[in-house]
Amino acid sequence: MAHPGTLVLILAAAVLAPLLVHFTGRRVRVPLVIFEIALGILIGPHVLGWAYPDEVVDTLADLGLSMLIFLAGYEIEFAAVRGDTLRRSLWAWPLSLALGIGLGFLVSGSDVFEAFVVGTALTSTALGTVLPMLRDRGELKGRFGTVVSAFGAVGEFGPVVAMALLLSGRRPAESAVLLAAFGVVTAAAVFWALRPRPPWFGELTERTLHSSGQFAVRFVMLLLACMLGLAEVFGLDVLLGAFAAGVLTRLVLHQAAPTAGEEVLGKVEAMGFGFLVPLFYVVTGIEFDLDALLGDPVTLLLVPAFLLLYLLVRGGPVYLLAPKDLSRTDRAALALFASTCLPLVVAITTIGVDQGILGTERAASLVGAAMISVLVLPLLAMRLRSARGGRAGRDEPRPRGAADDTEAW
């Protein structure tokens, strides 16, 4: 049964969060998501006890996470993210996974399943959190933004695939077959999305853009629902469907309504970042087990340890395999952005706890470290970028002989 006033309190926290960002921005730049989670913890059962999770709120929070991953999938420009950069990003993530699972065995005391959960959590990148920061600074479309998009996309898609294979409760071989079948269906959907749309599609999109019809927005929501349902039919994590839906939506809109596509996306973003996504983050704070984190000194000490592991496991391979045309400063900034994580850490640890693989104390340490990563690592990365000219340096000419990302993948 829903707790009275919980949804009102969550939405009030979502409104208060950007106000806090505005008023504290003159002294220190704190990411919006930190205030959203912190306010969730404050009003949650472990502090003030005003808000409690319930079935309705949990459902809306799940939709918020799906929307966050959907928007991350939409942000990927495959015309720019390919060639040498894509190859390097594809090599970096399996290296991170192998390193993460190896360290997961040490952390878990050689428990195989817990090692998989911890190791997979250590490899994720919060692309949906990082890209808006780069977009706000005007760096998303430049060379550095393209590289971050490539490594971030693999860092978001890789853990989702790993969850489908390793944490589905089935044998890996069976999961691999289902994942391959999902991939075939998704590839067919991509082929469909690339086909020219009939003229009426674009005309109807334009005609209803500012009316109650909102054809394109409704079509995008239908596409998202279909991909979420398809992933569930195949027994895979719905986040995989959300990411695929974002990719498909970009292809369809750019093919059928190139002039109205950005405005349609703006409406979808308003629905996501204005309602569903902040609700997910506030609920994450409400459900955060603060007592488990603060009640055990070992659990608390694991927070900085996991933060270092995020940097080592995810940031290390990214730094080593970053494109050669990036300077050392930009490679370090790229590693910091790639090590920024949270949404998938929450999703992975939630699955681990629900399946009895991961204890709540270990989950609290992982999520706590991920929260600090969102607060600290992007700020350090942006400071490194600003120190070397930031946006002025994003379109620097490449050194002679640097790999060209326009080559075929």
Protein backbone atom coordinates (compact mmCIF):
# COMPACT_ATOMS: atom_id res chain seq x y z
CA MET A 1 0.00 0.00 0.00
CA ALA A 2 1.34 3.44 -0.91
CA HIS A 3 2.55 5.60 1.94
CA PRO A 4 0.61 8.91 1.99
CA GLY A 5 2.52 11.86 0.62
CA THR A 6 5.57 9.89 -0.54
CA LEU A 7 5.21 10.89 -4.20
CA VAL A 8 4.63 14.52 -3.22
CA LEU A 9 7.80 14.52 -1.10
CA ILE A 10 9.81 12.91 -3.91
CA LEU A 11 8.66 15.52 -6.43
CA ALA A 12 9.35 18.28 -3.90
CA ALA A 13 12.89 16.95 -3.52
CA ALA A 14 13.24 16.86 -7.32
CA VAL A 15 12.25 20.55 -7.47
CA LEU A 16 14.50 21.52 -4.57
CA ALA A 17 17.58 19.84 -6.07
CA PRO A 18 18.15 22.26 -9.00
CA LEU A 19 17.54 25.18 -6.65
CA LEU A 20 20.36 23.91 -4.44
CA VAL A 21 22.59 23.51 -7.50
CA HIS A 22 21.85 27.12 -8.44
CA PHE A 23 22.51 28.60 -5.01
CA THR A 24 25.67 26.59 -4.34
CA GLY A 25 27.04 26.93 -7.89
CA ARG A 26 28.91 30.15 -7.14
CA ARG A 27 31.13 28.40 -4.59
CA VAL A 28 31.29 24.78 -5.71
CA ARG A 29 29.80 22.90 -8.65
CA VAL A 30 27.88 19.94 -7.28
CA PRO A 31 26.22 17.60 -9.82
CA LEU A 32 22.44 17.66 -9.68
CA VAL A 33 22.25 13.91 -9.07
CA ILE A 34 24.10 14.26 -5.76
CA PHE A 35 21.47 16.61 -4.35
CA GLU A 36 18.70 14.33 -5.64
CA ILE A 37 20.14 11.27 -3.91
CA ALA A 38 21.07 13.21 -0.77
CA LEU A 39 17.56 14.63 -0.45
CA GLY A 40 16.19 11.10 -0.92
CA ILE A 41 18.36 9.87 1.95
CA LEU A 42 17.24 12.83 4.07
CA ILE A 43 13.51 12.23 3.66
CA GLY A 44 13.91 8.44 3.67
CA PRO A 45 13.34 5.98 6.49
CA HIS A 46 16.91 6.13 7.82
CA VAL A 47 16.93 9.89 8.61
CA LEU A 48 13.63 11.84 8.82
CA GLY A 49 11.38 8.89 8.06
CA TRP A 50 8.98 10.94 5.92
CA ALA A 51 9.08 8.88 2.72
CA TYR A 52 9.00 5.14 2.20
CA PRO A 53 9.29 3.10 -1.01
CA ASP A 54 6.11 1.48 -2.28
CA GLU A 55 4.99 -0.39 -5.37
CA VAL A 56 3.89 2.70 -7.31
CA VAL A 57 7.04 4.65 -6.54
CA ASP A 58 9.28 1.67 -7.35
CA THR A 59 7.56 1.25 -10.72
CA LEU A 60 8.06 4.93 -11.57
CA ALA A 61 11.69 4.69 -10.45
CA ASP A 62 12.24 1.70 -12.75
CA LEU A 63 10.79 3.76 -15.61
CA GLY A 64 13.17 6.57 -14.65
CA LEU A 65 16.18 4.27 -14.90
CA SER A 66 14.95 2.98 -18.26
CA MET A 67 14.51 6.54 -19.51
CA LEU A 68 18.02 7.44 -18.34
CA ILE A 69 19.54 4.53 -20.28
CA PHE A 70 17.27 5.29 -23.27
CA LEU A 71 18.56 8.88 -23.44
CA ALA A 72 22.13 7.61 -23.12
CA GLY A 73 21.55 5.31 -26.10
CA TYR A 74 20.10 8.21 -28.08
CA GLU A 75 23.19 10.34 -27.45
CA ILE A 76 25.47 7.93 -29.33
CA GLU A 77 26.40 9.25 -32.77
CA PHE A 78 27.57 6.17 -34.63
CA ALA A 79 28.66 8.31 -37.56
CA ALA A 80 31.31 9.80 -35.26
CA VAL A 81 31.94 6.90 -32.86
CA ARG A 82 33.69 4.34 -35.04
CA GLY A 83 37.09 3.39 -36.38
CA ASP A 84 40.12 3.41 -34.10
CA THR A 85 38.28 5.06 -31.19
CA LEU A 86 35.56 2.40 -31.19
CA ARG A 87 38.11 -0.40 -31.43
CA ARG A 88 40.02 0.98 -28.46
CA SER A 89 36.86 1.38 -26.39
CA LEU A 90 35.80 -2.18 -27.24
CA TRP A 91 39.18 -3.52 -26.07
CA ALA A 92 39.20 -1.42 -22.90
CA TRP A 93 35.96 -2.76 -21.44
CA PRO A 94 36.75 -6.54 -21.51
CA LEU A 95 40.09 -5.69 -19.94
CA SER A 96 38.21 -3.84 -17.20
CA LEU A 97 35.83 -6.78 -16.74
CA ALA A 98 38.67 -9.30 -16.37
CA LEU A 99 40.44 -7.04 -13.90
CA GLY A 100 37.20 -6.31 -12.03
CA ILE A 101 36.22 -9.98 -11.66
CA GLY A 102 39.75 -10.83 -10.54
CA LEU A 103 39.63 -8.16 -7.83
CA GLY A 104 36.04 -9.20 -7.06
CA PHE A 105 37.35 -12.64 -6.05
CA LEU A 106 39.66 -10.98 -3.52
CA VAL A 107 36.90 -8.73 -2.15
CA SER A 108 34.32 -11.52 -1.94
CA GLY A 109 36.58 -14.16 -0.43
CA SER A 110 36.56 -16.26 -3.64
CA ASP A 111 32.75 -16.35 -3.90
CA VAL A 112 32.24 -16.76 -7.65
CA PHE A 113 28.81 -15.15 -8.01
CA GLU A 114 29.59 -12.22 -5.72
CA ALA A 115 32.83 -11.71 -7.64
CA PHE A 116 30.81 -11.44 -10.88
CA VAL A 117 28.47 -8.87 -9.31
CA VAL A 118 31.27 -6.75 -7.84
CA GLY A 119 33.47 -7.08 -10.93
CA THR A 120 30.67 -6.05 -13.30
CA ALA A 121 29.73 -3.08 -11.11
CA LEU A 122 33.34 -1.86 -11.23
CA THR A 123 33.28 -1.63 -15.04
CA SER A 124 30.31 0.69 -15.63
CA THR A 125 30.27 4.29 -16.84
CA ALA A 126 27.44 6.70 -16.05
CA LEU A 127 27.10 7.94 -19.62
CA GLY A 128 23.71 9.47 -18.91
CA THR A 129 25.33 11.54 -16.15
CA VAL A 130 28.54 12.48 -17.98
CA LEU A 131 27.14 13.51 -21.37
CA PRO A 132 24.84 16.26 -20.02
CA MET A 133 27.86 17.79 -18.27
CA LEU A 134 29.83 17.85 -21.52
CA ARG A 135 26.82 19.16 -23.42
CA ASP A 136 26.37 22.01 -20.91
CA ARG A 137 30.05 22.96 -21.44
CA GLY A 138 29.74 22.81 -25.24
CA GLU A 139 32.25 19.93 -25.52
CA LEU A 140 29.94 17.10 -26.56
CA LYS A 141 30.29 17.60 -30.32
CA GLY A 142 34.07 18.09 -30.31
CA ARG A 143 36.82 15.48 -30.52
CA PHE A 144 37.03 14.95 -26.76
CA GLY A 145 33.25 14.59 -26.44
CA THR A 146 33.24 11.99 -29.24
CA VAL A 147 35.90 9.93 -27.47
CA VAL A 148 34.04 10.13 -24.15
CA SER A 149 30.86 9.05 -25.95
CA ALA A 150 32.60 6.01 -27.45
CA PHE A 151 34.22 4.78 -24.23
CA GLY A 152 31.13 5.68 -22.20
CA ALA A 153 28.77 3.86 -24.56
CA VAL A 154 30.76 0.63 -24.26
CA GLY A 155 31.02 1.19 -20.50
CA GLU A 156 27.24 1.41 -20.32
CA PHE A 157 26.34 -1.28 -22.84
CA GLY A 158 28.98 -3.80 -21.68
CA PRO A 159 27.72 -4.13 -18.08
CA VAL A 160 24.12 -4.46 -19.34
CA VAL A 161 25.19 -7.37 -21.55
CA ALA A 162 27.19 -8.86 -18.68
CA MET A 163 24.14 -8.65 -16.41
CA ALA A 164 22.11 -10.46 -19.05
CA LEU A 165 24.74 -13.21 -19.29
CA LEU A 166 25.97 -13.57 -15.72
CA LEU A 167 23.18 -12.35 -13.45
CA SER A 168 20.04 -13.64 -15.18
CA GLY A 169 19.78 -16.78 -13.04
CA ARG A 170 20.26 -19.01 -16.09
CA ARG A 171 23.26 -20.89 -17.40
CA PRO A 172 25.62 -18.59 -19.35
CA ALA A 173 25.22 -20.67 -22.54
CA GLU A 174 21.43 -20.34 -22.41
CA SER A 175 21.71 -16.60 -21.72
CA ALA A 176 24.14 -16.20 -24.63
CA VAL A 177 21.66 -17.86 -27.02
CA LEU A 178 18.85 -15.58 -25.86
CA LEU A 179 21.12 -12.54 -26.09
CA ALA A 180 22.11 -13.51 -29.63
CA ALA A 181 18.44 -13.89 -30.56
CA PHE A 182 17.70 -10.45 -29.09
CA GLY A 183 20.63 -9.08 -31.10
CA VAL A 184 19.23 -10.54 -34.34
CA VAL A 185 15.82 -8.98 -33.70
CA THR A 186 17.44 -5.66 -32.79
CA ALA A 187 19.57 -5.76 -35.95
CA ALA A 188 16.41 -6.30 -37.99
CA ALA A 189 14.89 -3.30 -36.20
CA VAL A 190 17.96 -1.20 -37.06
CA PHE A 191 17.60 -2.22 -40.72
CA TRP A 192 13.96 -1.16 -40.55
CA ALA A 193 14.89 2.13 -38.90
CA LEU A 194 17.39 2.95 -41.66
CA ARG A 195 14.81 2.48 -44.40
CA PRO A 196 13.21 5.70 -45.71
CA ARG A 197 10.00 6.51 -43.90
CA PRO A 198 6.90 7.37 -45.96
CA PRO A 199 6.35 11.11 -46.48
CA TRP A 200 3.31 11.15 -44.21
CA PHE A 201 5.47 10.23 -41.20
CA GLY A 202 7.50 13.44 -41.35
CA GLU A 203 4.47 15.52 -42.29
CA LEU A 204 2.45 14.18 -39.34
CA THR A 205 5.41 14.75 -37.04
CA GLU A 206 5.63 18.39 -38.10
CA ARG A 207 1.85 18.93 -37.99
CA THR A 208 1.37 17.56 -34.47
CA LEU A 209 4.61 18.91 -32.96
CA HIS A 210 2.78 21.74 -31.19
CA SER A 211 -0.66 20.17 -30.87
CA SER A 212 -2.29 17.66 -28.56
CA GLY A 213 -1.52 14.89 -31.07
CA GLN A 214 2.26 14.75 -30.41
CA PHE A 215 2.60 11.88 -32.87
CA ALA A 216 6.41 11.65 -32.76
CA VAL A 217 6.59 11.66 -28.95
CA ARG A 218 3.94 8.94 -28.76
CA PHE A 219 5.83 6.94 -31.38
CA VAL A 220 9.06 7.24 -29.36
CA MET A 221 7.29 6.03 -26.21
CA LEU A 222 5.81 3.09 -28.16
CA LEU A 223 9.26 2.19 -29.48
CA LEU A 224 10.70 2.30 -25.96
CA ALA A 225 7.87 0.13 -24.61
CA CYS A 226 8.32 -2.39 -27.46
CA MET A 227 12.07 -2.75 -26.83
CA LEU A 228 11.56 -3.06 -23.06
CA GLY A 229 8.93 -5.72 -23.69
CA LEU A 230 11.17 -7.52 -26.20
CA ALA A 231 14.03 -7.67 -23.69
CA GLU A 232 11.65 -9.03 -21.06
CA VAL A 233 10.29 -11.66 -23.46
CA PHE A 234 13.85 -12.88 -24.05
CA GLY A 235 14.42 -12.92 -20.29
CA LEU A 236 17.07 -10.18 -20.49
CA ASP A 237 17.49 -7.06 -18.40
CA VAL A 238 15.13 -4.33 -19.56
CA LEU A 239 18.02 -1.84 -19.56
CA LEU A 240 19.31 -3.62 -22.65
CA GLY A 241 16.00 -2.86 -24.36
CA ALA A 242 16.08 0.77 -23.18
CA PHE A 243 19.56 1.31 -24.64
CA ALA A 244 18.56 -0.31 -27.94
CA ALA A 245 15.41 1.83 -28.06
CA GLY A 246 17.50 4.98 -27.71
CA VAL A 247 19.71 3.95 -30.62
CA LEU A 248 16.70 3.07 -32.79
CA THR A 249 14.92 6.32 -31.96
CA ARG A 250 17.90 8.37 -33.11
CA LEU A 251 18.04 6.48 -36.41
CA VAL A 252 14.30 6.83 -37.05
CA LEU A 253 14.06 10.52 -36.20
CA HIS A 254 17.15 11.50 -38.18
CA GLN A 255 15.86 9.53 -41.15
CA ALA A 256 12.19 10.54 -41.06
CA ALA A 257 12.15 14.00 -39.44
CA PRO A 258 15.65 15.54 -39.55
CA THR A 259 14.40 19.08 -38.96
CA ALA A 260 12.04 18.23 -36.09
CA GLY A 261 14.14 15.48 -34.50
CA GLU A 262 15.89 17.72 -31.98
CA GLU A 263 12.62 19.31 -30.88
CA VAL A 264 11.05 15.88 -30.45
CA LEU A 265 14.03 14.81 -28.36
CA GLY A 266 13.64 17.98 -26.29
CA LYS A 267 10.11 16.96 -25.43
CA VAL A 268 11.22 13.43 -24.50
CA GLU A 269 14.09 14.85 -22.41
CA ALA A 270 11.62 17.13 -20.64
CA MET A 271 9.56 14.06 -19.71
CA GLY A 272 12.69 12.17 -18.64
CA PHE A 273 14.81 14.78 -16.86
CA GLY A 274 11.76 16.70 -15.67
CA PHE A 275 9.98 13.78 -14.01
CA LEU A 276 11.14 10.18 -14.35
CA VAL A 277 14.95 10.44 -14.02
CA PRO A 278 15.00 12.66 -10.89
CA LEU A 279 12.37 10.39 -9.37
CA PHE A 280 14.72 7.44 -9.90
CA TYR A 281 17.60 9.23 -8.18
CA VAL A 282 15.50 10.43 -5.24
CA VAL A 283 14.11 6.91 -4.75
CA THR A 284 17.69 5.59 -4.90
CA GLY A 285 18.41 7.83 -1.91
CA ILE A 286 15.27 6.72 -0.08
CA GLU A 287 16.19 3.05 -0.54
CA PHE A 288 19.86 3.58 0.30
CA ASP A 289 20.76 1.51 3.39
CA LEU A 290 22.44 4.23 5.42
CA ASP A 291 22.38 2.16 8.61
CA ALA A 292 24.29 -0.67 6.91
CA LEU A 293 26.89 1.81 5.68
CA LEU A 294 27.41 3.70 8.95
CA GLY A 295 26.83 0.82 11.34
CA ASP A 296 29.92 -1.14 10.36
CA PRO A 297 33.41 0.47 10.25
CA VAL A 298 34.60 -2.09 7.71
CA THR A 299 31.70 -1.29 5.38
CA LEU A 300 32.46 2.42 5.70
CA LEU A 301 36.15 1.89 4.98
CA LEU A 302 35.24 -0.03 1.85
CA VAL A 303 33.75 3.14 0.31
CA PRO A 304 37.11 4.84 -0.45
CA ALA A 305 38.53 1.43 -1.36
CA PHE A 306 35.81 0.87 -3.97
CA LEU A 307 36.30 4.41 -5.28
CA LEU A 308 39.96 3.58 -5.93
CA LEU A 309 38.90 0.31 -7.56
CA TYR A 310 36.54 2.20 -9.89
CA LEU A 311 39.51 4.32 -10.96
CA LEU A 312 41.83 1.33 -11.28
CA VAL A 313 39.46 -1.14 -12.96
CA ARG A 314 37.61 1.22 -15.30
CA GLY A 315 39.91 4.23 -15.52
CA GLY A 316 43.18 2.30 -15.89
CA PRO A 317 42.39 0.45 -19.14
CA VAL A 318 40.70 3.55 -20.57
CA TYR A 319 43.82 5.63 -19.92
CA LEU A 320 46.08 2.99 -21.47
CA LEU A 321 43.92 2.50 -24.57
CA ALA A 322 42.84 6.11 -25.12
CA PRO A 323 43.37 7.41 -28.71
CA LYS A 324 46.95 8.44 -29.38
CA ASP A 325 46.03 11.95 -30.46
CA LEU A 326 44.84 12.84 -26.94
CA SER A 327 47.29 14.55 -24.63
CA ARG A 328 48.15 13.05 -21.26
CA THR A 329 45.87 15.57 -19.57
CA ASP A 330 42.95 14.63 -21.80
CA ARG A 331 43.66 10.92 -21.30
CA ALA A 332 43.49 11.48 -17.54
CA ALA A 333 40.24 13.46 -17.92
CA LEU A 334 38.82 10.69 -20.11
CA ALA A 335 39.73 8.07 -17.47
CA LEU A 336 38.02 10.13 -14.77
CA PHE A 337 34.85 10.53 -16.83
CA ALA A 338 34.85 6.81 -17.68
CA SER A 339 35.22 5.91 -13.98
CA THR A 340 32.17 7.98 -13.07
CA CYS A 341 29.37 5.56 -12.28
CA LEU A 342 26.11 5.21 -10.40
CA PRO A 343 22.94 4.14 -12.25
CA LEU A 344 24.22 0.74 -13.33
CA VAL A 345 25.95 0.22 -9.98
CA VAL A 346 22.54 0.70 -8.35
CA ALA A 347 20.92 -1.68 -10.85
CA ILE A 348 23.63 -4.35 -10.54
CA THR A 349 23.77 -4.27 -6.75
CA THR A 350 19.96 -4.34 -6.54
CA ILE A 351 19.92 -7.51 -8.67
CA GLY A 352 22.70 -8.99 -6.54
CA VAL A 353 20.84 -8.27 -3.29
CA ASP A 354 17.51 -9.52 -4.65
CA GLN A 355 19.13 -12.80 -5.73
CA GLY A 356 20.87 -13.23 -2.38
CA ILE A 357 24.31 -13.00 -4.01
CA LEU A 358 25.36 -9.69 -2.47
CA GLY A 359 24.92 -8.48 1.10
CA THR A 360 23.32 -5.11 1.81
CA GLU A 361 26.53 -3.87 3.47
CA ARG A 362 28.64 -4.59 0.38
CA ALA A 363 25.95 -3.07 -1.83
CA ALA A 364 25.88 0.08 0.32
CA SER A 365 29.67 0.43 0.01
CA LEU A 366 29.56 0.05 -3.77
CA VAL A 367 26.72 2.56 -4.15
CA GLY A 368 28.32 4.98 -1.68
CA ALA A 369 31.57 4.93 -3.64
CA ALA A 370 29.62 5.40 -6.88
CA MET A 371 27.90 8.45 -5.39
CA ILE A 372 31.28 9.94 -4.52
CA SER A 373 32.49 9.17 -8.04
CA VAL A 374 29.64 11.24 -9.50
CA LEU A 375 30.43 14.09 -7.10
CA VAL A 376 34.22 14.15 -7.42
CA LEU A 377 35.50 12.58 -10.64
CA PRO A 378 33.68 14.75 -13.24
CA LEU A 379 34.72 17.88 -11.35
CA LEU A 380 38.36 16.76 -11.44
CA ALA A 381 38.03 15.89 -15.13
CA MET A 382 36.53 19.27 -16.00
CA ARG A 383 39.22 21.01 -13.97
CA LEU A 384 41.89 19.17 -15.97
CA ARG A 385 40.16 20.21 -19.19
CA SER A 386 39.88 23.81 -18.05
CA ALA A 387 43.54 23.88 -17.01
CA ARG A 388 44.63 23.11 -20.58
CA GLY A 389 42.16 25.38 -22.30
CA GLY A 390 39.02 23.20 -22.07
CA ARG A 391 36.75 24.00 -24.92
CA ALA A 392 39.43 25.89 -26.75
CA GLY A 393 41.40 22.69 -26.97
CA ARG A 394 38.64 20.36 -27.98
CA ASP A 395 39.11 20.82 -31.69
CA GLU A 396 42.89 20.79 -31.78
CA PRO A 397 44.41 19.40 -34.97
CA ARG A 398 45.47 15.80 -34.66
CA PRO A 399 49.14 14.91 -34.72
CA ARG A 400 50.49 13.60 -38.00
CA GLY A 401 49.86 9.88 -38.23
CA ALA A 402 47.08 9.82 -35.61
CA ALA A 403 44.39 7.24 -36.24
CA ASP A 404 41.44 8.54 -38.22
CA ASP A 405 38.02 7.66 -36.81
CA THR A 406 36.41 8.02 -40.20
CA GLU A 407 37.95 4.77 -41.38
CA ALA A 408 35.57 1.84 -41.69
CA TRP A 409 34.99 -0.28 -38.61
